[in-house]
């Protein structure tokens, strides 16, 4: 089983709809609801090993999808660049001083980048 909770959550967010219904349910219970394998087994009426196998297959499928597409990595890279651009825009706004045209343009850029950041 994979140990990076943030990565596993992101993989599920991006690719979870491609899993079977049972894989989605068990994966969600384990990674998002933080239930143990035993708790899931008790709740669903299958063995702990059965739960482990389903979650492991789901994790493998998600990891393979990311390996083939690179979507999560590209999203992360875009997010880092967006945050850097936002920092630069804020700095530009501060440096604009009394030049109202530059200050207004910088402020509009900051607002646009913040909207993009919220939408991601």
PDB file of N, CA and C in Angstrom:
ATOM      1  N   UNK A   1       0.840  -1.183   0.000  1.00  0.00           N
ATOM      2  CA  UNK A   1       0.000   0.000   0.000  1.00  0.00           C
ATOM      3  C   UNK A   1       0.882   1.242   0.000  1.00  0.00           C
ATOM      4  N   UNK A   2       0.398   2.264  -0.632  1.00  0.00           N
ATOM      5  CA  UNK A   2       1.148   3.509  -0.760  1.00  0.00           C
ATOM      6  C   UNK A   2       1.043   4.317   0.528  1.00  0.00           C
ATOM      7  N   UNK A   3       2.103   5.079   0.827  1.00  0.00           N
ATOM      8  CA  UNK A   3       2.168   5.770   2.114  1.00  0.00           C
ATOM      9  C   UNK A   3       1.943   7.275   2.042  1.00  0.00           C
ATOM     10  N   UNK A   4       1.883   7.855   0.848  1.00  0.00           N
ATOM     11  CA  UNK A   4       1.730   9.300   0.740  1.00  0.00           C
ATOM     12  C   UNK A   4       0.239   9.655   0.639  1.00  0.00           C
ATOM     13  N   UNK A   5      -0.363  10.085   1.743  1.00  0.00           N
ATOM     14  CA  UNK A   5      -1.810  10.349   1.747  1.00  0.00           C
ATOM     15  C   UNK A   5      -2.228  11.430   0.746  1.00  0.00           C
ATOM     16  N   UNK A   6      -1.424  12.484   0.616  1.00  0.00           N
ATOM     17  CA  UNK A   6      -1.780  13.559  -0.310  1.00  0.00           C
ATOM     18  C   UNK A   6      -1.776  13.050  -1.745  1.00  0.00           C
ATOM     19  N   UNK A   7      -0.756  12.290  -2.119  1.00  0.00           N
ATOM     20  CA  UNK A   7      -0.690  11.733  -3.469  1.00  0.00           C
ATOM     21  C   UNK A   7      -1.869  10.805  -3.719  1.00  0.00           C
ATOM     22  N   UNK A   8      -2.187   9.963  -2.758  1.00  0.00           N
ATOM     23  CA  UNK A   8      -3.278   9.013  -2.937  1.00  0.00           C
ATOM     24  C   UNK A   8      -4.617   9.746  -3.081  1.00  0.00           C
ATOM     25  N   UNK A   9      -4.799  10.815  -2.348  1.00  0.00           N
ATOM     26  CA  UNK A   9      -6.021  11.605  -2.454  1.00  0.00           C
ATOM     27  C   UNK A   9      -6.111  12.272  -3.819  1.00  0.00           C
ATOM     28  N   UNK A  10      -4.984  12.810  -4.282  1.00  0.00           N
ATOM     29  CA  UNK A  10      -4.979  13.465  -5.590  1.00  0.00           C
ATOM     30  C   UNK A  10      -5.240  12.458  -6.707  1.00  0.00           C
ATOM     31  N   UNK A  11      -4.617  11.301  -6.624  1.00  0.00           N
ATOM     32  CA  UNK A  11      -4.850  10.270  -7.637  1.00  0.00           C
ATOM     33  C   UNK A  11      -6.330   9.892  -7.677  1.00  0.00           C
ATOM     34  N   UNK A  12      -6.916   9.759  -6.500  1.00  0.00           N
ATOM     35  CA  UNK A  12      -8.337   9.408  -6.425  1.00  0.00           C
ATOM     36  C   UNK A  12      -9.202  10.525  -7.000  1.00  0.00           C
ATOM     37  N   UNK A  13      -8.858  11.770  -6.683  1.00  0.00           N
ATOM     38  CA  UNK A  13      -9.627  12.904  -7.201  1.00  0.00           C
ATOM     39  C   UNK A  13      -9.581  12.955  -8.727  1.00  0.00           C
ATOM     40  N   UNK A  14      -8.418  12.694  -9.290  1.00  0.00           N
ATOM     41  CA  UNK A  14      -8.261  12.779 -10.738  1.00  0.00           C
ATOM     42  C   UNK A  14      -8.802  11.547 -11.465  1.00  0.00           C
ATOM     43  N   UNK A  15      -8.583  10.367 -10.914  1.00  0.00           N
ATOM     44  CA  UNK A  15      -8.866   9.136 -11.644  1.00  0.00           C
ATOM     45  C   UNK A  15      -9.884   8.211 -10.979  1.00  0.00           C
ATOM     46  N   UNK A  16     -10.422   8.599  -9.846  1.00  0.00           N
ATOM     47  CA  UNK A  16     -11.305   7.719  -9.081  1.00  0.00           C
ATOM     48  C   UNK A  16     -12.503   7.211  -9.869  1.00  0.00           C
ATOM     49  N   UNK A  17     -13.019   8.020 -10.776  1.00  0.00           N
ATOM     50  CA  UNK A  17     -14.192   7.597 -11.557  1.00  0.00           C
ATOM     51  C   UNK A  17     -13.876   6.438 -12.493  1.00  0.00           C
ATOM     52  N   UNK A  18     -12.605   6.163 -12.722  1.00  0.00           N
ATOM     53  CA  UNK A  18     -12.214   5.063 -13.607  1.00  0.00           C
ATOM     54  C   UNK A  18     -12.114   3.726 -12.872  1.00  0.00           C
ATOM     55  N   UNK A  19     -12.230   3.770 -11.549  1.00  0.00           N
ATOM     56  CA  UNK A  19     -12.215   2.533 -10.760  1.00  0.00           C
ATOM     57  C   UNK A  19     -13.602   1.898 -10.761  1.00  0.00           C
ATOM     58  N   UNK A  20     -13.653   0.623 -10.379  1.00  0.00           N
ATOM     59  CA  UNK A  20     -14.958  -0.010 -10.218  1.00  0.00           C
ATOM     60  C   UNK A  20     -15.655   0.602  -9.001  1.00  0.00           C
ATOM     61  N   UNK A  21     -16.937   0.405  -8.901  1.00  0.00           N
ATOM     62  CA  UNK A  21     -17.693   0.946  -7.771  1.00  0.00           C
ATOM     63  C   UNK A  21     -17.147   0.417  -6.439  1.00  0.00           C
ATOM     64  N   UNK A  22     -16.858  -0.872  -6.398  1.00  0.00           N
ATOM     65  CA  UNK A  22     -16.344  -1.484  -5.168  1.00  0.00           C
ATOM     66  C   UNK A  22     -14.962  -0.925  -4.828  1.00  0.00           C
ATOM     67  N   UNK A  23     -14.095  -0.772  -5.828  1.00  0.00           N
ATOM     68  CA  UNK A  23     -12.771  -0.213  -5.583  1.00  0.00           C
ATOM     69  C   UNK A  23     -12.886   1.211  -5.057  1.00  0.00           C
ATOM     70  N   UNK A  24     -13.770   2.019  -5.658  1.00  0.00           N
ATOM     71  CA  UNK A  24     -13.966   3.402  -5.194  1.00  0.00           C
ATOM     72  C   UNK A  24     -14.430   3.425  -3.747  1.00  0.00           C
ATOM     73  N   UNK A  25     -15.409   2.570  -3.431  1.00  0.00           N
ATOM     74  CA  UNK A  25     -15.961   2.543  -2.075  1.00  0.00           C
ATOM     75  C   UNK A  25     -14.903   2.168  -1.043  1.00  0.00           C
ATOM     76  N   UNK A  26     -14.184   1.088  -1.282  1.00  0.00           N
ATOM     77  CA  UNK A  26     -13.190   0.609  -0.322  1.00  0.00           C
ATOM     78  C   UNK A  26     -12.018   1.575  -0.221  1.00  0.00           C
ATOM     79  N   UNK A  27     -11.590   2.099  -1.364  1.00  0.00           N
ATOM     80  CA  UNK A  27     -10.496   3.065  -1.391  1.00  0.00           C
ATOM     81  C   UNK A  27     -10.870   4.292  -0.562  1.00  0.00           C
ATOM     82  N   UNK A  28     -12.075   4.786  -0.772  1.00  0.00           N
ATOM     83  CA  UNK A  28     -12.543   5.957  -0.044  1.00  0.00           C
ATOM     84  C   UNK A  28     -12.609   5.680   1.458  1.00  0.00           C
ATOM     85  N   UNK A  29     -13.133   4.523   1.825  1.00  0.00           N
ATOM     86  CA  UNK A  29     -13.207   4.179   3.250  1.00  0.00           C
ATOM     87  C   UNK A  29     -11.814   4.118   3.876  1.00  0.00           C
ATOM     88  N   UNK A  30     -10.871   3.571   3.141  1.00  0.00           N
ATOM     89  CA  UNK A  30      -9.520   3.391   3.684  1.00  0.00           C
ATOM     90  C   UNK A  30      -8.727   4.700   3.689  1.00  0.00           C
ATOM     91  N   UNK A  31      -8.672   5.382   2.567  1.00  0.00           N
ATOM     92  CA  UNK A  31      -7.816   6.567   2.453  1.00  0.00           C
ATOM     93  C   UNK A  31      -8.481   7.853   2.925  1.00  0.00           C
ATOM     94  N   UNK A  32      -9.774   8.006   2.695  1.00  0.00           N
ATOM     95  CA  UNK A  32     -10.425   9.271   3.030  1.00  0.00           C
ATOM     96  C   UNK A  32     -11.177   9.223   4.359  1.00  0.00           C
ATOM     97  N   UNK A  33     -11.779   8.082   4.663  1.00  0.00           N
ATOM     98  CA  UNK A  33     -12.510   7.948   5.925  1.00  0.00           C
ATOM     99  C   UNK A  33     -11.620   7.398   7.041  1.00  0.00           C
ATOM    100  N   UNK A  34     -10.432   6.969   6.680  1.00  0.00           N
ATOM    101  CA  UNK A  34      -9.416   6.479   7.617  1.00  0.00           C
ATOM    102  C   UNK A  34      -9.864   5.250   8.410  1.00  0.00           C
ATOM    103  N   UNK A  35     -10.643   4.377   7.773  1.00  0.00           N
ATOM    104  CA  UNK A  35     -11.019   3.116   8.409  1.00  0.00           C
ATOM    105  C   UNK A  35      -9.905   2.100   8.195  1.00  0.00           C
ATOM    106  N   UNK A  36      -9.727   1.216   9.140  1.00  0.00           N
ATOM    107  CA  UNK A  36      -8.729   0.157   9.012  1.00  0.00           C
ATOM    108  C   UNK A  36      -9.260  -0.934   8.092  1.00  0.00           C
ATOM    109  N   UNK A  37      -8.368  -1.802   7.653  1.00  0.00           N
ATOM    110  CA  UNK A  37      -8.789  -2.936   6.825  1.00  0.00           C
ATOM    111  C   UNK A  37      -9.811  -3.790   7.571  1.00  0.00           C
ATOM    112  N   UNK A  38      -9.580  -4.006   8.855  1.00  0.00           N
ATOM    113  CA  UNK A  38     -10.505  -4.807   9.663  1.00  0.00           C
ATOM    114  C   UNK A  38     -11.868  -4.146   9.769  1.00  0.00           C
ATOM    115  N   UNK A  39     -11.890  -2.841   9.951  1.00  0.00           N
ATOM    116  CA  UNK A  39     -13.166  -2.122  10.053  1.00  0.00           C
ATOM    117  C   UNK A  39     -13.946  -2.203   8.735  1.00  0.00           C
ATOM    118  N   UNK A  40     -13.238  -2.066   7.633  1.00  0.00           N
ATOM    119  CA  UNK A  40     -13.891  -2.162   6.324  1.00  0.00           C
ATOM    120  C   UNK A  40     -14.416  -3.576   6.110  1.00  0.00           C
ATOM    121  N   UNK A  41     -13.597  -4.567   6.479  1.00  0.00           N
ATOM    122  CA  UNK A  41     -14.018  -5.965   6.331  1.00  0.00           C
ATOM    123  C   UNK A  41     -15.285  -6.230   7.138  1.00  0.00           C
ATOM    124  N   UNK A  42     -15.319  -5.742   8.363  1.00  0.00           N
ATOM    125  CA  UNK A  42     -16.491  -5.937   9.215  1.00  0.00           C
ATOM    126  C   UNK A  42     -17.717  -5.243   8.626  1.00  0.00           C
ATOM    127  N   UNK A  43     -17.505  -4.043   8.123  1.00  0.00           N
ATOM    128  CA  UNK A  43     -18.601  -3.251   7.574  1.00  0.00           C
ATOM    129  C   UNK A  43     -19.156  -3.858   6.287  1.00  0.00           C
ATOM    130  N   UNK A  44     -18.284  -4.451   5.469  1.00  0.00           N
ATOM    131  CA  UNK A  44     -18.705  -4.950   4.158  1.00  0.00           C
ATOM    132  C   UNK A  44     -18.954  -6.446   4.119  1.00  0.00           C
ATOM    133  N   UNK A  45     -18.540  -7.147   5.149  1.00  0.00           N
ATOM    134  CA  UNK A  45     -18.801  -8.578   5.221  1.00  0.00           C
ATOM    135  C   UNK A  45     -17.858  -9.443   4.403  1.00  0.00           C
ATOM    136  N   UNK A  46     -16.676  -8.913   4.071  1.00  0.00           N
ATOM    137  CA  UNK A  46     -15.680  -9.750   3.407  1.00  0.00           C
ATOM    138  C   UNK A  46     -14.447  -9.828   4.296  1.00  0.00           C
ATOM    139  N   UNK A  47     -13.488 -10.641   3.909  1.00  0.00           N
ATOM    140  CA  UNK A  47     -12.302 -10.820   4.741  1.00  0.00           C
ATOM    141  C   UNK A  47     -11.396  -9.596   4.665  1.00  0.00           C
ATOM    142  N   UNK A  48     -10.550  -9.479   5.663  1.00  0.00           N
ATOM    143  CA  UNK A  48      -9.558  -8.411   5.695  1.00  0.00           C
ATOM    144  C   UNK A  48      -8.642  -8.524   4.473  1.00  0.00           C
ATOM    145  N   UNK A  49      -8.261  -9.757   4.119  1.00  0.00           N
ATOM    146  CA  UNK A  49      -7.416  -9.974   2.950  1.00  0.00           C
ATOM    147  C   UNK A  49      -8.130  -9.538   1.663  1.00  0.00           C
ATOM    148  N   UNK A  50      -9.421  -9.795   1.603  1.00  0.00           N
ATOM    149  CA  UNK A  50     -10.203  -9.363   0.441  1.00  0.00           C
ATOM    150  C   UNK A  50     -10.215  -7.855   0.298  1.00  0.00           C
ATOM    151  N   UNK A  51     -10.378  -7.170   1.421  1.00  0.00           N
ATOM    152  CA  UNK A  51     -10.347  -5.706   1.418  1.00  0.00           C
ATOM    153  C   UNK A  51      -8.972  -5.218   0.962  1.00  0.00           C
ATOM    154  N   UNK A  52      -7.934  -5.829   1.523  1.00  0.00           N
ATOM    155  CA  UNK A  52      -6.560  -5.455   1.164  1.00  0.00           C
ATOM    156  C   UNK A  52      -6.341  -5.609  -0.342  1.00  0.00           C
ATOM    157  N   UNK A  53      -6.786  -6.726  -0.899  1.00  0.00           N
ATOM    158  CA  UNK A  53      -6.597  -6.989  -2.327  1.00  0.00           C
ATOM    159  C   UNK A  53      -7.318  -5.952  -3.184  1.00  0.00           C
ATOM    160  N   UNK A  54      -8.533  -5.609  -2.824  1.00  0.00           N
ATOM    161  CA  UNK A  54      -9.304  -4.625  -3.600  1.00  0.00           C
ATOM    162  C   UNK A  54      -8.636  -3.258  -3.547  1.00  0.00           C
ATOM    163  N   UNK A  55      -8.213  -2.833  -2.358  1.00  0.00           N
ATOM    164  CA  UNK A  55      -7.571  -1.520  -2.221  1.00  0.00           C
ATOM    165  C   UNK A  55      -6.233  -1.504  -2.950  1.00  0.00           C
ATOM    166  N   UNK A  56      -5.476  -2.580  -2.840  1.00  0.00           N
ATOM    167  CA  UNK A  56      -4.177  -2.658  -3.515  1.00  0.00           C
ATOM    168  C   UNK A  56      -4.342  -2.587  -5.035  1.00  0.00           C
ATOM    169  N   UNK A  57      -5.337  -3.277  -5.569  1.00  0.00           N
ATOM    170  CA  UNK A  57      -5.595  -3.219  -7.016  1.00  0.00           C
ATOM    171  C   UNK A  57      -6.007  -1.804  -7.432  1.00  0.00           C
ATOM    172  N   UNK A  58      -6.807  -1.165  -6.605  1.00  0.00           N
ATOM    173  CA  UNK A  58      -7.235   0.208  -6.907  1.00  0.00           C
ATOM    174  C   UNK A  58      -6.030   1.146  -6.914  1.00  0.00           C
ATOM    175  N   UNK A  59      -5.178   1.028  -5.909  1.00  0.00           N
ATOM    176  CA  UNK A  59      -3.984   1.872  -5.839  1.00  0.00           C
ATOM    177  C   UNK A  59      -3.085   1.646  -7.047  1.00  0.00           C
ATOM    178  N   UNK A  60      -2.927   0.397  -7.419  1.00  0.00           N
ATOM    179  CA  UNK A  60      -2.089   0.064  -8.577  1.00  0.00           C
ATOM    180  C   UNK A  60      -2.678   0.664  -9.848  1.00  0.00           C
ATOM    181  N   UNK A  61      -3.985   0.573 -10.010  1.00  0.00           N
ATOM    182  CA  UNK A  61      -4.644   1.142 -11.177  1.00  0.00           C
ATOM    183  C   UNK A  61      -4.456   2.658 -11.238  1.00  0.00           C
ATOM    184  N   UNK A  62      -4.633   3.316 -10.096  1.00  0.00           N
ATOM    185  CA  UNK A  62      -4.468   4.770 -10.056  1.00  0.00           C
ATOM    186  C   UNK A  62      -3.031   5.166 -10.384  1.00  0.00           C
ATOM    187  N   UNK A  63      -2.069   4.443  -9.810  1.00  0.00           N
ATOM    188  CA  UNK A  63      -0.661   4.732 -10.067  1.00  0.00           C
ATOM    189  C   UNK A  63      -0.315   4.513 -11.539  1.00  0.00           C
ATOM    190  N   UNK A  64      -0.874   3.468 -12.138  1.00  0.00           N
ATOM    191  CA  UNK A  64      -0.624   3.207 -13.562  1.00  0.00           C
ATOM    192  C   UNK A  64      -1.217   4.312 -14.437  1.00  0.00           C
ATOM    193  N   UNK A  65      -2.390   4.784 -14.077  1.00  0.00           N
ATOM    194  CA  UNK A  65      -3.013   5.873 -14.837  1.00  0.00           C
ATOM    195  C   UNK A  65      -2.164   7.138 -14.775  1.00  0.00           C
ATOM    196  N   UNK A  66      -1.638   7.423 -13.590  1.00  0.00           N
ATOM    197  CA  UNK A  66      -0.775   8.598 -13.459  1.00  0.00           C
ATOM    198  C   UNK A  66       0.518   8.400 -14.237  1.00  0.00           C
ATOM    199  N   UNK A  67       1.067   7.212 -14.187  1.00  0.00           N
ATOM    200  CA  UNK A  67       2.312   6.934 -14.913  1.00  0.00           C
ATOM    201  C   UNK A  67       2.101   7.126 -16.414  1.00  0.00           C
ATOM    202  N   UNK A  68       0.964   6.718 -16.926  1.00  0.00           N
ATOM    203  CA  UNK A  68       0.684   6.835 -18.359  1.00  0.00           C
ATOM    204  C   UNK A  68       0.365   8.267 -18.780  1.00  0.00           C
ATOM    205  N   UNK A  69      -0.346   8.988 -17.933  1.00  0.00           N
ATOM    206  CA  UNK A  69      -0.822  10.313 -18.327  1.00  0.00           C
ATOM    207  C   UNK A  69      -0.005  11.466 -17.752  1.00  0.00           C
ATOM    208  N   UNK A  70       0.497  11.301 -16.535  1.00  0.00           N
ATOM    209  CA  UNK A  70       1.242  12.379 -15.874  1.00  0.00           C
ATOM    210  C   UNK A  70       0.372  13.559 -15.468  1.00  0.00           C
ATOM    211  N   UNK A  71      -0.938  13.356 -15.407  1.00  0.00           N
ATOM    212  CA  UNK A  71      -1.870  14.453 -15.137  1.00  0.00           C
ATOM    213  C   UNK A  71      -1.629  15.094 -13.766  1.00  0.00           C
ATOM    214  N   UNK A  72      -1.463  14.295 -12.745  1.00  0.00           N
ATOM    215  CA  UNK A  72      -1.283  14.848 -11.399  1.00  0.00           C
ATOM    216  C   UNK A  72       0.035  15.622 -11.324  1.00  0.00           C
ATOM    217  N   UNK A  73       1.085  15.084 -11.906  1.00  0.00           N
ATOM    218  CA  UNK A  73       2.367  15.781 -11.927  1.00  0.00           C
ATOM    219  C   UNK A  73       2.289  17.094 -12.678  1.00  0.00           C
ATOM    220  N   UNK A  74       1.603  17.096 -13.808  1.00  0.00           N
ATOM    221  CA  UNK A  74       1.440  18.335 -14.587  1.00  0.00           C
ATOM    222  C   UNK A  74       0.612  19.348 -13.806  1.00  0.00           C
ATOM    223  N   UNK A  75      -0.447  18.868 -13.124  1.00  0.00           N
ATOM    224  CA  UNK A  75      -1.266  19.772 -12.314  1.00  0.00           C
ATOM    225  C   UNK A  75      -0.419  20.401 -11.217  1.00  0.00           C
ATOM    226  N   UNK A  76       0.398  19.581 -10.565  1.00  0.00           N
ATOM    227  CA  UNK A  76       1.247  20.090  -9.485  1.00  0.00           C
ATOM    228  C   UNK A  76       2.235  21.123 -10.020  1.00  0.00           C
ATOM    229  N   UNK A  77       2.868  20.839 -11.151  1.00  0.00           N
ATOM    230  CA  UNK A  77       3.810  21.791 -11.747  1.00  0.00           C
ATOM    231  C   UNK A  77       3.116  23.111 -12.099  1.00  0.00           C
ATOM    232  N   UNK A  78       1.904  23.017 -12.639  1.00  0.00           N
ATOM    233  CA  UNK A  78       1.145  24.221 -12.975  1.00  0.00           C
ATOM    234  C   UNK A  78       0.806  25.023 -11.730  1.00  0.00           C
ATOM    235  N   UNK A  79       0.460  24.306 -10.677  1.00  0.00           N
ATOM    236  CA  UNK A  79       0.120  24.964  -9.410  1.00  0.00           C
ATOM    237  C   UNK A  79       1.321  25.734  -8.851  1.00  0.00           C
ATOM    238  N   UNK A  80       2.501  25.121  -8.897  1.00  0.00           N
ATOM    239  CA  UNK A  80       3.730  25.772  -8.417  1.00  0.00           C
ATOM    240  C   UNK A  80       4.010  27.027  -9.236  1.00  0.00           C
ATOM    241  N   UNK A  81       3.878  26.934 -10.553  1.00  0.00           N
ATOM    242  CA  UNK A  81       4.128  28.087 -11.429  1.00  0.00           C
ATOM    243  C   UNK A  81       3.101  29.181 -11.199  1.00  0.00           C
ATOM    244  N   UNK A  82       1.859  28.799 -10.970  1.00  0.00           N
ATOM    245  CA  UNK A  82       0.815  29.772 -10.694  1.00  0.00           C
ATOM    246  C   UNK A  82       1.108  30.525  -9.399  1.00  0.00           C
ATOM    247  N   UNK A  83       1.513  29.816  -8.369  1.00  0.00           N
ATOM    248  CA  UNK A  83       1.850  30.462  -7.089  1.00  0.00           C
ATOM    249  C   UNK A  83       3.039  31.411  -7.254  1.00  0.00           C
ATOM    250  N   UNK A  84       4.011  30.999  -8.060  1.00  0.00           N
ATOM    251  CA  UNK A  84       5.174  31.863  -8.309  1.00  0.00           C
ATOM    252  C   UNK A  84       4.741  33.120  -9.061  1.00  0.00           C
ATOM    253  N   UNK A  85       3.880  32.962 -10.086  1.00  0.00           N
ATOM    254  CA  UNK A  85       3.386  34.107 -10.843  1.00  0.00           C
ATOM    255  C   UNK A  85       2.586  35.050  -9.947  1.00  0.00           C
ATOM    256  N   UNK A  86       1.807  34.499  -9.043  1.00  0.00           N
ATOM    257  CA  UNK A  86       1.030  35.321  -8.114  1.00  0.00           C
ATOM    258  C   UNK A  86       1.952  36.134  -7.215  1.00  0.00           C
ATOM    259  N   UNK A  87       3.014  35.515  -6.738  1.00  0.00           N
ATOM    260  CA  UNK A  87       3.992  36.236  -5.914  1.00  0.00           C
ATOM    261  C   UNK A  87       4.651  37.374  -6.678  1.00  0.00           C
ATOM    262  N   UNK A  88       4.999  37.124  -7.920  1.00  0.00           N
ATOM    263  CA  UNK A  88       5.609  38.164  -8.754  1.00  0.00           C
ATOM    264  C   UNK A  88       4.623  39.302  -8.993  1.00  0.00           C
ATOM    265  N   UNK A  89       3.360  38.970  -9.269  1.00  0.00           N
ATOM    266  CA  UNK A  89       2.340  39.994  -9.503  1.00  0.00           C
ATOM    267  C   UNK A  89       2.129  40.859  -8.258  1.00  0.00           C
ATOM    268  N   UNK A  90       2.142  40.236  -7.094  1.00  0.00           N
ATOM    269  CA  UNK A  90       1.984  41.000  -5.854  1.00  0.00           C
ATOM    270  C   UNK A  90       3.175  41.926  -5.635  1.00  0.00           C
ATOM    271  N   UNK A  91       4.359  41.432  -5.943  1.00  0.00           N
ATOM    272  CA  UNK A  91       5.557  42.263  -5.823  1.00  0.00           C
ATOM    273  C   UNK A  91       5.496  43.423  -6.799  1.00  0.00           C
ATOM    274  N   UNK A  92       5.056  43.168  -8.007  1.00  0.00           N
ATOM    275  CA  UNK A  92       4.916  44.221  -9.015  1.00  0.00           C
ATOM    276  C   UNK A  92       3.914  45.269  -8.559  1.00  0.00           C
ATOM    277  N   UNK A  93       2.826  44.821  -7.938  1.00  0.00           N
ATOM    278  CA  UNK A  93       1.821  45.755  -7.423  1.00  0.00           C
ATOM    279  C   UNK A  93       2.432  46.672  -6.369  1.00  0.00           C
ATOM    280  N   UNK A  94       3.259  46.105  -5.500  1.00  0.00           N
ATOM    281  CA  UNK A  94       3.908  46.909  -4.454  1.00  0.00           C
ATOM    282  C   UNK A  94       4.912  47.900  -5.041  1.00  0.00           C
ATOM    283  N   UNK A  95       5.595  47.487  -6.087  1.00  0.00           N
ATOM    284  CA  UNK A  95       6.609  48.339  -6.700  1.00  0.00           C
ATOM    285  C   UNK A  95       6.020  49.434  -7.583  1.00  0.00           C
ATOM    286  N   UNK A  96       4.732  49.330  -7.908  1.00  0.00           N
ATOM    287  CA  UNK A  96       4.089  50.293  -8.801  1.00  0.00           C
ATOM    288  C   UNK A  96       4.021  51.684  -8.188  1.00  0.00           C
ATOM    289  N   UNK A  97       3.967  51.744  -6.887  1.00  0.00           N
ATOM    290  CA  UNK A  97       3.963  53.028  -6.196  1.00  0.00           C
ATOM    291  C   UNK A  97       2.843  53.939  -6.642  1.00  0.00           C
ATOM    292  N   UNK A  98       3.199  55.157  -7.079  1.00  0.00           N
ATOM    293  CA  UNK A  98       2.213  56.177  -7.446  1.00  0.00           C
ATOM    294  C   UNK A  98       1.737  56.061  -8.887  1.00  0.00           C
ATOM    295  N   UNK A  99       2.301  55.169  -9.648  1.00  0.00           N
ATOM    296  CA  UNK A  99       1.892  54.980 -11.043  1.00  0.00           C
ATOM    297  C   UNK A  99       0.585  54.183 -11.050  1.00  0.00           C
ATOM    298  N   UNK A 100      -0.525  54.922 -11.141  1.00  0.00           N
ATOM    299  CA  UNK A 100      -1.829  54.273 -11.002  1.00  0.00           C
ATOM    300  C   UNK A 100      -2.129  53.291 -12.137  1.00  0.00           C
ATOM    301  N   UNK A 101      -1.645  53.560 -13.324  1.00  0.00           N
ATOM    302  CA  UNK A 101      -1.892  52.644 -14.444  1.00  0.00           C
ATOM    303  C   UNK A 101      -1.209  51.305 -14.164  1.00  0.00           C
ATOM    304  N   UNK A 102       0.063  51.362 -13.769  1.00  0.00           N
ATOM    305  CA  UNK A 102       0.798  50.130 -13.461  1.00  0.00           C
ATOM    306  C   UNK A 102       0.193  49.423 -12.246  1.00  0.00           C
ATOM    307  N   UNK A 103      -0.176  50.188 -11.239  1.00  0.00           N
ATOM    308  CA  UNK A 103      -0.761  49.610 -10.036  1.00  0.00           C
ATOM    309  C   UNK A 103      -2.090  48.912 -10.362  1.00  0.00           C
ATOM    310  N   UNK A 104      -2.919  49.548 -11.200  1.00  0.00           N
ATOM    311  CA  UNK A 104      -4.195  48.941 -11.589  1.00  0.00           C
ATOM    312  C   UNK A 104      -3.977  47.659 -12.389  1.00  0.00           C
ATOM    313  N   UNK A 105      -3.032  47.689 -13.328  1.00  0.00           N
ATOM    314  CA  UNK A 105      -2.730  46.499 -14.118  1.00  0.00           C
ATOM    315  C   UNK A 105      -2.220  45.364 -13.220  1.00  0.00           C
ATOM    316  N   UNK A 106      -1.334  45.712 -12.300  1.00  0.00           N
ATOM    317  CA  UNK A 106      -0.794  44.704 -11.386  1.00  0.00           C
ATOM    318  C   UNK A 106      -1.897  44.139 -10.500  1.00  0.00           C
ATOM    319  N   UNK A 107      -2.792  44.998 -10.024  1.00  0.00           N
ATOM    320  CA  UNK A 107      -3.901  44.541  -9.183  1.00  0.00           C
ATOM    321  C   UNK A 107      -4.824  43.598  -9.967  1.00  0.00           C
ATOM    322  N   UNK A 108      -5.116  43.951 -11.222  1.00  0.00           N
ATOM    323  CA  UNK A 108      -5.942  43.076 -12.058  1.00  0.00           C
ATOM    324  C   UNK A 108      -5.263  41.736 -12.289  1.00  0.00           C
ATOM    325  N   UNK A 109      -3.953  41.748 -12.465  1.00  0.00           N
ATOM    326  CA  UNK A 109      -3.200  40.515 -12.641  1.00  0.00           C
ATOM    327  C   UNK A 109      -3.266  39.660 -11.377  1.00  0.00           C
ATOM    328  N   UNK A 110      -3.095  40.287 -10.219  1.00  0.00           N
ATOM    329  CA  UNK A 110      -3.182  39.572  -8.943  1.00  0.00           C
ATOM    330  C   UNK A 110      -4.556  38.930  -8.792  1.00  0.00           C
ATOM    331  N   UNK A 111      -5.608  39.687  -9.061  1.00  0.00           N
ATOM    332  CA  UNK A 111      -6.968  39.162  -8.918  1.00  0.00           C
ATOM    333  C   UNK A 111      -7.221  37.994  -9.877  1.00  0.00           C
ATOM    334  N   UNK A 112      -6.743  38.115 -11.094  1.00  0.00           N
ATOM    335  CA  UNK A 112      -6.919  37.045 -12.077  1.00  0.00           C
ATOM    336  C   UNK A 112      -6.176  35.784 -11.650  1.00  0.00           C
ATOM    337  N   UNK A 113      -4.954  35.937 -11.189  1.00  0.00           N
ATOM    338  CA  UNK A 113      -4.168  34.776 -10.737  1.00  0.00           C
ATOM    339  C   UNK A 113      -4.787  34.134  -9.491  1.00  0.00           C
ATOM    340  N   UNK A 114      -5.332  34.959  -8.606  1.00  0.00           N
ATOM    341  CA  UNK A 114      -6.005  34.410  -7.422  1.00  0.00           C
ATOM    342  C   UNK A 114      -7.245  33.615  -7.816  1.00  0.00           C
ATOM    343  N   UNK A 115      -7.993  34.108  -8.815  1.00  0.00           N
ATOM    344  CA  UNK A 115      -9.159  33.371  -9.306  1.00  0.00           C
ATOM    345  C   UNK A 115      -8.723  32.035  -9.888  1.00  0.00           C
ATOM    346  N   UNK A 116      -7.637  32.022 -10.634  1.00  0.00           N
ATOM    347  CA  UNK A 116      -7.117  30.782 -11.194  1.00  0.00           C
ATOM    348  C   UNK A 116      -6.692  29.809 -10.081  1.00  0.00           C
ATOM    349  N   UNK A 117      -6.043  30.341  -9.062  1.00  0.00           N
ATOM    350  CA  UNK A 117      -5.572  29.502  -7.959  1.00  0.00           C
ATOM    351  C   UNK A 117      -6.739  28.877  -7.207  1.00  0.00           C
ATOM    352  N   UNK A 118      -7.795  29.620  -7.027  1.00  0.00           N
ATOM    353  CA  UNK A 118      -8.971  29.107  -6.318  1.00  0.00           C
ATOM    354  C   UNK A 118      -9.655  28.038  -7.159  1.00  0.00           C
ATOM    355  N   UNK A 119      -9.673  28.213  -8.472  1.00  0.00           N
ATOM    356  CA  UNK A 119     -10.335  27.274  -9.353  1.00  0.00           C
ATOM    357  C   UNK A 119      -9.627  25.945  -9.491  1.00  0.00           C
ATOM    358  N   UNK A 120      -8.366  25.868  -9.090  1.00  0.00           N
ATOM    359  CA  UNK A 120      -7.617  24.626  -9.247  1.00  0.00           C
ATOM    360  C   UNK A 120      -7.836  23.689  -8.100  1.00  0.00           C
TER     361      UNK A 120
END
